[in-house]
């Protein structure tokens, strides 16, 4: 079995008397989509923040590409190749699609944001941004304002911005949120292609997408992983059915 690209080991995080993460361990392997599911309030976003570097665990470690990154910041982890998309859009709505993608490429390069407009003449950065847009089928929308895009297209753009980091792994927090059936299908196809470029740790409530995409699923309930396994194994797990899936497990 290949070494994991990303591994969380015995992560603990509490907020006062509330235990958000209780000795959580999980791995992301090369080429896979590992879905993290659970009811609202289970601690999924808290876990992702610890893995991404935005929240320091009370105990435990995070390893990325064989390196202990527990003490590194979000930016430092991103520059190592940990790409992230957010539950709530972090795009600059007043800028164009291409400008947003160039911002991502600029951040990945480590260059200063101070003189952004001249950077738009940096052909290497523009080419990098356009390549990412083409990967998500948005190269034809490069000149449009982000505010003019559909919700689904904005989700595609968030993935493109993450791609400019040349990611070695993705963290995706509910990319299907607010999307209709067609948009979800389109994004599902995109994520299925991306897994071969970089594995994906996916938080998602759209169980159709999870069951279609996931190689493995971990179920988080009250800050604790109660099961990890393949789709059929998770569907059939009685504890998972009681705690979360309910009728979805057999539908």
Foldseek 3Di string as FASTA:
>chain_A
DDDFQKWWAQFWADDVVATLAGGDIDTFHALFEEEEEEDPSLNPVVVVCQQLANDQTPDTFMDGRNHTCNPPHNLVVLLVAEFEQDPDHPFDQQAFLLLRLLVLLCSNVVDDCPPSVVCVVVVVSSVLLLVLCVLLPNNVRRGPGNNPDDLLVSLSSSSSSSVSNQHQEYEYEASCPPHDPVSLVSVLVSQQVCSNSHYYYHYHPPVVSCLVGGQKYFYGGSNYTPDMDGLLVLLPDPVNCVRPCPPVSPD
